[in-house]
Amino acid sequence: MKITLVKSLIGCKKDQIATANSLGLKKVGDVTEQPDNAQTNGKVNKIVHLVKVCK
């Protein structure tokens, strides 16, 4: 699955920032390719308001 960070991490909780960083997303517009599994889906659900997902 392709994940894009579309909103800034400024003002987010520390755990949400850590989740975005663990997916490889640091700046707005960053795109990463991740496997479609339960672990990745859990991370995306935590920051769903900040990212756009294409499967």
PDB file of N, CA and C in Angstrom:
ATOM      1  N   MET A   1       0.837  -1.169   0.000  1.00  0.00           N
ATOM      2  CA  MET A   1       0.000   0.000   0.000  1.00  0.00           C
ATOM      3  C   MET A   1       0.885   1.236   0.000  1.00  0.00           C
ATOM      4  N   LYS A   2       0.408   2.273  -0.666  1.00  0.00           N
ATOM      5  CA  LYS A   2       1.149   3.522  -0.777  1.00  0.00           C
ATOM      6  C   LYS A   2       0.534   4.526   0.196  1.00  0.00           C
ATOM      7  N   ILE A   3       1.358   5.090   1.075  1.00  0.00           N
ATOM      8  CA  ILE A   3       0.885   5.998   2.112  1.00  0.00           C
ATOM      9  C   ILE A   3       1.541   7.364   1.908  1.00  0.00           C
ATOM     10  N   THR A   4       0.730   8.432   1.901  1.00  0.00           N
ATOM     11  CA  THR A   4       1.223   9.790   1.711  1.00  0.00           C
ATOM     12  C   THR A   4       0.825  10.643   2.908  1.00  0.00           C
ATOM     13  N   LEU A   5       1.775  11.384   3.454  1.00  0.00           N
ATOM     14  CA  LEU A   5       1.483  12.316   4.548  1.00  0.00           C
ATOM     15  C   LEU A   5       0.936  13.602   3.942  1.00  0.00           C
ATOM     16  N   VAL A   6      -0.309  13.954   4.270  1.00  0.00           N
ATOM     17  CA  VAL A   6      -0.956  15.116   3.665  1.00  0.00           C
ATOM     18  C   VAL A   6      -1.160  16.267   4.647  1.00  0.00           C
ATOM     19  N   LYS A   7      -1.004  16.023   5.938  1.00  0.00           N
ATOM     20  CA  LYS A   7      -1.121  17.085   6.936  1.00  0.00           C
ATOM     21  C   LYS A   7       0.120  17.097   7.809  1.00  0.00           C
ATOM     22  N   SER A   8       0.420  18.253   8.361  1.00  0.00           N
ATOM     23  CA  SER A   8       1.622  18.439   9.162  1.00  0.00           C
ATOM     24  C   SER A   8       1.532  17.697  10.492  1.00  0.00           C
ATOM     25  N   LEU A   9       2.706  17.322  10.996  1.00  0.00           N
ATOM     26  CA  LEU A   9       2.779  16.650  12.289  1.00  0.00           C
ATOM     27  C   LEU A   9       2.877  17.642  13.450  1.00  0.00           C
ATOM     28  N   ILE A  10       2.969  18.934  13.137  1.00  0.00           N
ATOM     29  CA  ILE A  10       3.063  19.958  14.180  1.00  0.00           C
ATOM     30  C   ILE A  10       1.773  19.964  14.994  1.00  0.00           C
ATOM     31  N   GLY A  11       1.904  19.888  16.290  1.00  0.00           N
ATOM     32  CA  GLY A  11       0.751  19.915  17.181  1.00  0.00           C
ATOM     33  C   GLY A  11       0.147  18.553  17.446  1.00  0.00           C
ATOM     34  N   CYS A  12       0.669  17.513  16.830  1.00  0.00           N
ATOM     35  CA  CYS A  12       0.165  16.155  17.064  1.00  0.00           C
ATOM     36  C   CYS A  12       0.764  15.587  18.337  1.00  0.00           C
ATOM     37  N   LYS A  13       0.118  14.558  18.853  1.00  0.00           N
ATOM     38  CA  LYS A  13       0.634  13.870  20.035  1.00  0.00           C
ATOM     39  C   LYS A  13       1.926  13.152  19.689  1.00  0.00           C
ATOM     40  N   LYS A  14       2.764  12.948  20.701  1.00  0.00           N
ATOM     41  CA  LYS A  14       4.069  12.317  20.487  1.00  0.00           C
ATOM     42  C   LYS A  14       3.945  10.918  19.904  1.00  0.00           C
ATOM     43  N   ASP A  15       2.937  10.164  20.336  1.00  0.00           N
ATOM     44  CA  ASP A  15       2.790   8.808  19.809  1.00  0.00           C
ATOM     45  C   ASP A  15       2.369   8.817  18.339  1.00  0.00           C
ATOM     46  N   GLN A  16       1.606   9.829  17.909  1.00  0.00           N
ATOM     47  CA  GLN A  16       1.227   9.926  16.501  1.00  0.00           C
ATOM     48  C   GLN A  16       2.431  10.300  15.643  1.00  0.00           C
ATOM     49  N   ILE A  17       3.279  11.183  16.144  1.00  0.00           N
ATOM     50  CA  ILE A  17       4.500  11.552  15.432  1.00  0.00           C
ATOM     51  C   ILE A  17       5.412  10.338  15.302  1.00  0.00           C
ATOM     52  N   ALA A  18       5.538   9.563  16.379  1.00  0.00           N
ATOM     53  CA  ALA A  18       6.381   8.367  16.361  1.00  0.00           C
ATOM     54  C   ALA A  18       5.833   7.339  15.370  1.00  0.00           C
ATOM     55  N   THR A  19       4.521   7.218  15.291  1.00  0.00           N
ATOM     56  CA  THR A  19       3.908   6.291  14.346  1.00  0.00           C
ATOM     57  C   THR A  19       4.197   6.710  12.910  1.00  0.00           C
ATOM     58  N   ALA A  20       4.064   8.007  12.614  1.00  0.00           N
ATOM     59  CA  ALA A  20       4.356   8.504  11.271  1.00  0.00           C
ATOM     60  C   ALA A  20       5.828   8.267  10.930  1.00  0.00           C
ATOM     61  N   ASN A  21       6.713   8.529  11.873  1.00  0.00           N
ATOM     62  CA  ASN A  21       8.146   8.320  11.644  1.00  0.00           C
ATOM     63  C   ASN A  21       8.460   6.850  11.413  1.00  0.00           C
ATOM     64  N   SER A  22       7.768   5.956  12.105  1.00  0.00           N
ATOM     65  CA  SER A  22       8.017   4.527  11.931  1.00  0.00           C
ATOM     66  C   SER A  22       7.577   4.050  10.549  1.00  0.00           C
ATOM     67  N   LEU A  23       6.637   4.771   9.947  1.00  0.00           N
ATOM     68  CA  LEU A  23       6.217   4.461   8.576  1.00  0.00           C
ATOM     69  C   LEU A  23       7.117   5.137   7.552  1.00  0.00           C
ATOM     70  N   GLY A  24       8.053   5.979   8.000  1.00  0.00           N
ATOM     71  CA  GLY A  24       8.956   6.669   7.087  1.00  0.00           C
ATOM     72  C   GLY A  24       8.421   8.003   6.601  1.00  0.00           C
ATOM     73  N   LEU A  25       7.467   8.574   7.349  1.00  0.00           N
ATOM     74  CA  LEU A  25       6.857   9.850   6.965  1.00  0.00           C
ATOM     75  C   LEU A  25       7.330  10.935   7.920  1.00  0.00           C
ATOM     76  N   LYS A  26       8.058  11.921   7.398  1.00  0.00           N
ATOM     77  CA  LYS A  26       8.592  12.984   8.236  1.00  0.00           C
ATOM     78  C   LYS A  26       8.084  14.362   7.835  1.00  0.00           C
ATOM     79  N   LYS A  27       7.921  14.607   6.523  1.00  0.00           N
ATOM     80  CA  LYS A  27       7.471  15.902   6.033  1.00  0.00           C
ATOM     81  C   LYS A  27       6.203  15.723   5.205  1.00  0.00           C
ATOM     82  N   VAL A  28       5.416  16.794   5.111  1.00  0.00           N
ATOM     83  CA  VAL A  28       4.208  16.759   4.286  1.00  0.00           C
ATOM     84  C   VAL A  28       4.611  16.455   2.851  1.00  0.00           C
ATOM     85  N   GLY A  29       3.920  15.524   2.232  1.00  0.00           N
ATOM     86  CA  GLY A  29       4.219  15.127   0.864  1.00  0.00           C
ATOM     87  C   GLY A  29       5.069  13.877   0.764  1.00  0.00           C
ATOM     88  N   ASP A  30       5.621  13.412   1.887  1.00  0.00           N
ATOM     89  CA  ASP A  30       6.402  12.173   1.872  1.00  0.00           C
ATOM     90  C   ASP A  30       5.505  10.997   1.516  1.00  0.00           C
ATOM     91  N   VAL A  31       6.040  10.103   0.674  1.00  0.00           N
ATOM     92  CA  VAL A  31       5.303   8.913   0.234  1.00  0.00           C
ATOM     93  C   VAL A  31       6.134   7.690   0.582  1.00  0.00           C
ATOM     94  N   THR A  32       5.477   6.645   1.076  1.00  0.00           N
ATOM     95  CA  THR A  32       6.167   5.402   1.387  1.00  0.00           C
ATOM     96  C   THR A  32       5.333   4.220   0.917  1.00  0.00           C
ATOM     97  N   GLU A  33       6.004   3.152   0.580  1.00  0.00           N
ATOM     98  CA  GLU A  33       5.357   1.905   0.159  1.00  0.00           C
ATOM     99  C   GLU A  33       5.493   0.913   1.309  1.00  0.00           C
ATOM    100  N   GLN A  34       4.378   0.420   1.831  1.00  0.00           N
ATOM    101  CA  GLN A  34       4.366  -0.501   2.960  1.00  0.00           C
ATOM    102  C   GLN A  34       3.553  -1.744   2.608  1.00  0.00           C
ATOM    103  N   PRO A  35       3.875  -2.889   3.245  1.00  0.00           N
ATOM    104  CA  PRO A  35       3.074  -4.098   3.002  1.00  0.00           C
ATOM    105  C   PRO A  35       1.665  -3.944   3.580  1.00  0.00           C
ATOM    106  N   ASP A  36       0.706  -4.586   2.951  1.00  0.00           N
ATOM    107  CA  ASP A  36      -0.686  -4.523   3.412  1.00  0.00           C
ATOM    108  C   ASP A  36      -0.916  -5.649   4.415  1.00  0.00           C
ATOM    109  N   ASN A  37      -0.588  -5.374   5.693  1.00  0.00           N
ATOM    110  CA  ASN A  37      -0.793  -6.373   6.743  1.00  0.00           C
ATOM    111  C   ASN A  37      -1.412  -5.707   7.968  1.00  0.00           C
ATOM    112  N   ALA A  38      -1.696  -6.495   8.978  1.00  0.00           N
ATOM    113  CA  ALA A  38      -2.389  -5.998  10.168  1.00  0.00           C
ATOM    114  C   ALA A  38      -1.568  -4.934  10.905  1.00  0.00           C
ATOM    115  N   GLN A  39      -0.256  -5.108  10.960  1.00  0.00           N
ATOM    116  CA  GLN A  39       0.589  -4.152  11.669  1.00  0.00           C
ATOM    117  C   GLN A  39       0.545  -2.779  10.998  1.00  0.00           C
ATOM    118  N   THR A  40       0.677  -2.756   9.699  1.00  0.00           N
ATOM    119  CA  THR A  40       0.635  -1.489   8.967  1.00  0.00           C
ATOM    120  C   THR A  40      -0.747  -0.860   9.056  1.00  0.00           C
ATOM    121  N   ASN A  41      -1.799  -1.670   8.963  1.00  0.00           N
ATOM    122  CA  ASN A  41      -3.162  -1.141   9.065  1.00  0.00           C
ATOM    123  C   ASN A  41      -3.413  -0.504  10.426  1.00  0.00           C
ATOM    124  N   GLY A  42      -2.865  -1.071  11.485  1.00  0.00           N
ATOM    125  CA  GLY A  42      -3.004  -0.497  12.820  1.00  0.00           C
ATOM    126  C   GLY A  42      -2.321   0.850  12.929  1.00  0.00           C
ATOM    127  N   LYS A  43      -1.138   0.962  12.333  1.00  0.00           N
ATOM    128  CA  LYS A  43      -0.414   2.241  12.340  1.00  0.00           C
ATOM    129  C   LYS A  43      -1.181   3.297  11.559  1.00  0.00           C
ATOM    130  N   VAL A  44      -1.709   2.908  10.397  1.00  0.00           N
ATOM    131  CA  VAL A  44      -2.462   3.857   9.572  1.00  0.00           C
ATOM    132  C   VAL A  44      -3.723   4.303  10.299  1.00  0.00           C
ATOM    133  N   ASN A  45      -4.405   3.406  10.986  1.00  0.00           N
ATOM    134  CA  ASN A  45      -5.620   3.776  11.720  1.00  0.00           C
ATOM    135  C   ASN A  45      -5.334   4.783  12.819  1.00  0.00           C
ATOM    136  N   LYS A  46      -4.136   4.766  13.376  1.00  0.00           N
ATOM    137  CA  LYS A  46      -3.769   5.697  14.435  1.00  0.00           C
ATOM    138  C   LYS A  46      -3.591   7.120  13.895  1.00  0.00           C
ATOM    139  N   ILE A  47      -3.146   7.237  12.623  1.00  0.00           N
ATOM    140  CA  ILE A  47      -2.897   8.556  12.046  1.00  0.00           C
ATOM    141  C   ILE A  47      -3.717   8.773  10.770  1.00  0.00           C
ATOM    142  N   VAL A  48      -4.894   8.172  10.710  1.00  0.00           N
ATOM    143  CA  VAL A  48      -5.723   8.208   9.503  1.00  0.00           C
ATOM    144  C   VAL A  48      -6.092   9.640   9.110  1.00  0.00           C
ATOM    145  N   HIS A  49      -6.180  10.559  10.063  1.00  0.00           N
ATOM    146  CA  HIS A  49      -6.537  11.948   9.775  1.00  0.00           C
ATOM    147  C   HIS A  49      -5.376  12.735   9.174  1.00  0.00           C
ATOM    148  N   LEU A  50      -4.181  12.147   9.133  1.00  0.00           N
ATOM    149  CA  LEU A  50      -3.004  12.835   8.615  1.00  0.00           C
ATOM    150  C   LEU A  50      -2.525  12.287   7.272  1.00  0.00           C
ATOM    151  N   VAL A  51      -3.020  11.120   6.872  1.00  0.00           N
ATOM    152  CA  VAL A  51      -2.476  10.448   5.698  1.00  0.00           C
ATOM    153  C   VAL A  51      -3.544  10.148   4.655  1.00  0.00           C
ATOM    154  N   LYS A  52      -3.058   9.851   3.434  1.00  0.00           N
ATOM    155  CA  LYS A  52      -3.907   9.365   2.342  1.00  0.00           C
ATOM    156  C   LYS A  52      -3.341   8.011   1.942  1.00  0.00           C
ATOM    157  N   VAL A  53      -4.216   7.005   1.815  1.00  0.00           N
ATOM    158  CA  VAL A  53      -3.775   5.635   1.531  1.00  0.00           C
ATOM    159  C   VAL A  53      -4.340   5.188   0.190  1.00  0.00           C
ATOM    160  N   CYS A  54      -3.450   4.627  -0.645  1.00  0.00           N
ATOM    161  CA  CYS A  54      -3.847   3.999  -1.912  1.00  0.00           C
ATOM    162  C   CYS A  54      -3.399   2.553  -1.853  1.00  0.00           C
ATOM    163  N   LYS A  55      -4.316   1.629  -2.087  1.00  0.00           N
ATOM    164  CA  LYS A  55      -3.960   0.210  -2.020  1.00  0.00           C
ATOM    165  C   LYS A  55      -3.612  -0.338  -3.374  1.00  0.00           C
TER     166      LYS A  55
END
